Amino acid sequence: MITAYPDVVNESLTSDINFIVIACDGIWDCMTNQECCDFIMERMRKDPKIKLSKIIEEMFDSIIATDIYSGIYIFYLHYFYFFI
């Protein structure tokens, strides 16, 4: 389902903010806000000089489907097959 209601928050930027995450629903379908922040912070703590592109690559690798046929697609096929 596609909605036109983004999760928008107004915040004042202060010196204690380390980063801002702007992501599509592909990320938010797999991770909560806190999980996403924890994922990034863990990598930044381990290697302060890590490139953002490396963190994002690791994030994508951690949530990507290993088998496209084992996800929700099969659920829908099973559901529709069962009830048709």
N, C-alpha and C. Protein backbone atom coordinates (compact mmCIF):
# COMPACT_ATOMS: atom_id res chain seq x y z
N MET A 1 0.83 -1.16 0.00
CA MET A 1 0.00 0.00 0.00
C MET A 1 0.89 1.24 0.00
N ILE A 2 0.51 2.22 -0.76
CA ILE A 2 1.25 3.47 -0.82
C ILE A 2 0.39 4.54 -0.15
N THR A 3 1.02 5.31 0.72
CA THR A 3 0.29 6.38 1.39
C THR A 3 0.99 7.71 1.12
N ALA A 4 0.29 8.76 1.32
CA ALA A 4 0.85 10.10 1.16
C ALA A 4 1.04 10.76 2.53
N TYR A 5 1.25 9.96 3.55
CA TYR A 5 1.40 10.48 4.90
C TYR A 5 2.78 10.12 5.45
N PRO A 6 3.78 10.92 5.13
CA PRO A 6 5.13 10.61 5.62
C PRO A 6 5.23 10.85 7.13
N ASP A 7 6.19 10.21 7.74
CA ASP A 7 6.48 10.41 9.15
C ASP A 7 7.37 11.64 9.25
N VAL A 8 6.79 12.76 9.62
CA VAL A 8 7.52 14.02 9.67
C VAL A 8 7.58 14.51 11.11
N VAL A 9 8.78 14.90 11.51
CA VAL A 9 9.00 15.41 12.86
C VAL A 9 9.79 16.70 12.75
N ASN A 10 9.37 17.73 13.46
CA ASN A 10 10.12 18.99 13.53
C ASN A 10 11.02 18.93 14.75
N GLU A 11 12.30 19.08 14.53
CA GLU A 11 13.27 19.05 15.62
C GLU A 11 14.23 20.21 15.46
N SER A 12 14.70 20.73 16.55
CA SER A 12 15.76 21.74 16.52
C SER A 12 17.10 21.02 16.45
N LEU A 13 17.94 21.46 15.55
CA LEU A 13 19.27 20.85 15.44
C LEU A 13 20.17 21.42 16.53
N THR A 14 20.73 20.50 17.31
CA THR A 14 21.65 20.88 18.37
C THR A 14 22.95 20.13 18.19
N SER A 15 23.93 20.45 18.99
CA SER A 15 25.25 19.84 18.85
C SER A 15 25.28 18.36 19.23
N ASP A 16 24.24 17.87 19.91
CA ASP A 16 24.22 16.46 20.31
C ASP A 16 23.63 15.54 19.23
N ILE A 17 23.21 16.10 18.12
CA ILE A 17 22.67 15.29 17.02
C ILE A 17 23.83 14.86 16.12
N ASN A 18 24.01 13.56 15.98
CA ASN A 18 25.13 13.02 15.20
C ASN A 18 24.81 12.85 13.73
N PHE A 19 23.55 12.57 13.41
CA PHE A 19 23.17 12.34 12.03
C PHE A 19 21.66 12.41 11.90
N ILE A 20 21.22 12.52 10.66
CA ILE A 20 19.80 12.50 10.33
C ILE A 20 19.60 11.40 9.30
N VAL A 21 18.58 10.59 9.49
CA VAL A 21 18.30 9.50 8.55
C VAL A 21 17.06 9.87 7.74
N ILE A 22 17.22 9.89 6.44
CA ILE A 22 16.10 10.07 5.53
C ILE A 22 16.09 8.82 4.66
N ALA A 23 15.03 8.04 4.76
CA ALA A 23 15.01 6.76 4.06
C ALA A 23 13.61 6.47 3.53
N CYS A 24 13.57 5.55 2.60
CA CYS A 24 12.30 5.14 2.02
C CYS A 24 11.66 4.05 2.88
N ASP A 25 10.44 3.69 2.54
CA ASP A 25 9.73 2.69 3.33
C ASP A 25 10.39 1.31 3.26
N GLY A 26 11.25 1.08 2.29
CA GLY A 26 11.98 -0.19 2.24
C GLY A 26 12.82 -0.41 3.48
N ILE A 27 13.38 0.66 4.00
CA ILE A 27 14.14 0.58 5.25
C ILE A 27 13.19 0.48 6.43
N TRP A 28 12.21 1.36 6.47
CA TRP A 28 11.31 1.43 7.62
C TRP A 28 10.39 0.22 7.72
N ASP A 29 10.20 -0.51 6.64
CA ASP A 29 9.44 -1.76 6.72
C ASP A 29 10.24 -2.85 7.44
N CYS A 30 11.56 -2.68 7.47
CA CYS A 30 12.43 -3.71 8.05
C CYS A 30 13.04 -3.31 9.38
N MET A 31 13.13 -2.02 9.65
CA MET A 31 13.78 -1.53 10.87
C MET A 31 12.92 -0.44 11.50
N THR A 32 12.95 -0.40 12.81
CA THR A 32 12.33 0.72 13.51
C THR A 32 13.28 1.91 13.48
N ASN A 33 12.80 3.07 13.87
CA ASN A 33 13.67 4.24 13.96
C ASN A 33 14.86 3.95 14.86
N GLN A 34 14.58 3.34 16.00
CA GLN A 34 15.64 3.07 16.97
C GLN A 34 16.63 2.03 16.44
N GLU A 35 16.15 0.99 15.80
CA GLU A 35 17.05 -0.02 15.22
C GLU A 35 17.97 0.59 14.17
N CYS A 36 17.42 1.47 13.37
CA CYS A 36 18.21 2.14 12.34
C CYS A 36 19.31 2.99 12.98
N CYS A 37 18.94 3.78 13.97
CA CYS A 37 19.93 4.62 14.66
C CYS A 37 20.98 3.78 15.37
N ASP A 38 20.55 2.72 16.03
CA ASP A 38 21.50 1.82 16.72
C ASP A 38 22.46 1.20 15.73
N PHE A 39 21.96 0.78 14.58
CA PHE A 39 22.78 0.17 13.54
C PHE A 39 23.88 1.14 13.10
N ILE A 40 23.49 2.38 12.84
CA ILE A 40 24.46 3.38 12.39
C ILE A 40 25.44 3.73 13.49
N MET A 41 24.95 3.97 14.70
CA MET A 41 25.83 4.35 15.81
C MET A 41 26.84 3.26 16.15
N GLU A 42 26.41 2.01 16.10
CA GLU A 42 27.33 0.91 16.39
C GLU A 42 28.52 0.93 15.44
N ARG A 43 28.26 1.16 14.18
CA ARG A 43 29.33 1.19 13.18
C ARG A 43 30.20 2.44 13.31
N MET A 44 29.57 3.55 13.67
CA MET A 44 30.35 4.78 13.86
C MET A 44 31.24 4.69 15.09
N ARG A 45 30.79 3.99 16.12
CA ARG A 45 31.61 3.81 17.33
C ARG A 45 32.79 2.90 17.05
N LYS A 46 32.55 1.83 16.28
CA LYS A 46 33.63 0.88 15.96
C LYS A 46 34.71 1.52 15.11
N ASP A 47 34.29 2.36 14.15
CA ASP A 47 35.23 2.99 13.23
C ASP A 47 34.77 4.42 12.95
N PRO A 48 35.29 5.39 13.70
CA PRO A 48 34.87 6.78 13.52
C PRO A 48 35.10 7.34 12.10
N LYS A 49 35.98 6.71 11.35
CA LYS A 49 36.28 7.18 9.99
C LYS A 49 35.53 6.41 8.91
N ILE A 50 34.58 5.57 9.32
CA ILE A 50 33.85 4.76 8.34
C ILE A 50 33.06 5.66 7.40
N LYS A 51 33.01 5.28 6.14
CA LYS A 51 32.25 6.05 5.16
C LYS A 51 30.77 5.73 5.29
N LEU A 52 29.96 6.75 5.09
CA LEU A 52 28.52 6.56 5.15
C LEU A 52 28.07 5.51 4.13
N SER A 53 28.68 5.49 2.96
CA SER A 53 28.30 4.52 1.93
C SER A 53 28.52 3.09 2.41
N LYS A 54 29.54 2.86 3.24
CA LYS A 54 29.80 1.53 3.79
C LYS A 54 28.71 1.13 4.79
N ILE A 55 28.30 2.08 5.62
CA ILE A 55 27.24 1.81 6.60
C ILE A 55 25.94 1.47 5.87
N ILE A 56 25.61 2.25 4.85
CA ILE A 56 24.38 2.01 4.10
C ILE A 56 24.45 0.66 3.38
N GLU A 57 25.59 0.34 2.83
CA GLU A 57 25.76 -0.97 2.17
C GLU A 57 25.51 -2.10 3.17
N GLU A 58 26.06 -1.98 4.38
CA GLU A 58 25.85 -3.00 5.40
C GLU A 58 24.39 -3.06 5.82
N MET A 59 23.74 -1.90 5.89
CA MET A 59 22.33 -1.88 6.25
C MET A 59 21.50 -2.61 5.20
N PHE A 60 21.74 -2.29 3.95
CA PHE A 60 21.02 -2.97 2.87
C PHE A 60 21.27 -4.47 2.90
N ASP A 61 22.54 -4.86 3.10
CA ASP A 61 22.87 -6.29 3.16
C ASP A 61 22.15 -6.98 4.31
N SER A 62 21.93 -6.25 5.41
CA SER A 62 21.30 -6.87 6.58
C SER A 62 19.80 -7.06 6.41
N ILE A 63 19.17 -6.30 5.52
CA ILE A 63 17.72 -6.41 5.37
C ILE A 63 17.28 -7.00 4.04
N ILE A 64 18.20 -7.20 3.12
CA ILE A 64 17.82 -7.70 1.80
C ILE A 64 17.34 -9.15 1.90
N ALA A 65 16.36 -9.48 1.11
CA ALA A 65 15.84 -10.84 1.10
C ALA A 65 16.87 -11.78 0.48
N THR A 66 17.11 -12.88 1.14
CA THR A 66 18.04 -13.87 0.58
C THR A 66 17.37 -14.72 -0.47
N ASP A 67 16.05 -14.82 -0.39
CA ASP A 67 15.28 -15.60 -1.35
C ASP A 67 13.97 -14.87 -1.59
N ILE A 68 13.79 -14.35 -2.78
CA ILE A 68 12.60 -13.55 -3.04
C ILE A 68 11.31 -14.35 -2.92
N TYR A 69 11.40 -15.66 -2.98
CA TYR A 69 10.21 -16.50 -2.91
C TYR A 69 9.86 -16.94 -1.49
N SER A 70 10.65 -16.51 -0.51
CA SER A 70 10.35 -16.92 0.87
C SER A 70 9.69 -15.80 1.67
N GLY A 71 9.41 -14.69 1.04
CA GLY A 71 8.85 -13.55 1.74
C GLY A 71 7.36 -13.45 1.60
N ILE A 72 6.89 -12.23 1.65
CA ILE A 72 5.46 -11.95 1.66
C ILE A 72 4.79 -12.38 0.36
N TYR A 73 5.54 -12.42 -0.74
CA TYR A 73 4.98 -12.82 -2.03
C TYR A 73 4.36 -14.21 -1.92
N ILE A 74 5.05 -15.12 -1.30
CA ILE A 74 4.53 -16.49 -1.13
C ILE A 74 3.30 -16.47 -0.23
N PHE A 75 3.32 -15.61 0.80
CA PHE A 75 2.17 -15.50 1.68
C PHE A 75 0.93 -15.13 0.88
N TYR A 76 1.06 -14.15 0.00
CA TYR A 76 -0.09 -13.74 -0.80
C TYR A 76 -0.51 -14.85 -1.77
N LEU A 77 0.43 -15.54 -2.38
CA LEU A 77 0.08 -16.64 -3.27
C LEU A 77 -0.68 -17.72 -2.51
N HIS A 78 -0.17 -18.06 -1.33
CA HIS A 78 -0.82 -19.08 -0.51
C HIS A 78 -2.21 -18.61 -0.09
N TYR A 79 -2.30 -17.38 0.33
CA TYR A 79 -3.58 -16.82 0.79
C TYR A 79 -4.62 -16.86 -0.32
N PHE A 80 -4.24 -16.37 -1.50
CA PHE A 80 -5.20 -16.32 -2.59
C PHE A 80 -5.51 -17.71 -3.12
N TYR A 81 -4.54 -18.60 -3.14
CA TYR A 81 -4.77 -19.96 -3.59
C TYR A 81 -5.73 -20.68 -2.64
N PHE A 82 -5.52 -20.46 -1.35
CA PHE A 82 -6.32 -21.12 -0.32
C PHE A 82 -7.79 -20.68 -0.38
N PHE A 83 -8.00 -19.39 -0.64
CA PHE A 83 -9.36 -18.85 -0.59
C PHE A 83 -10.05 -18.74 -1.95
N ILE A 84 -9.38 -19.11 -3.01
CA ILE A 84 -10.00 -19.03 -4.33
C ILE A 84 -10.72 -20.32 -4.66
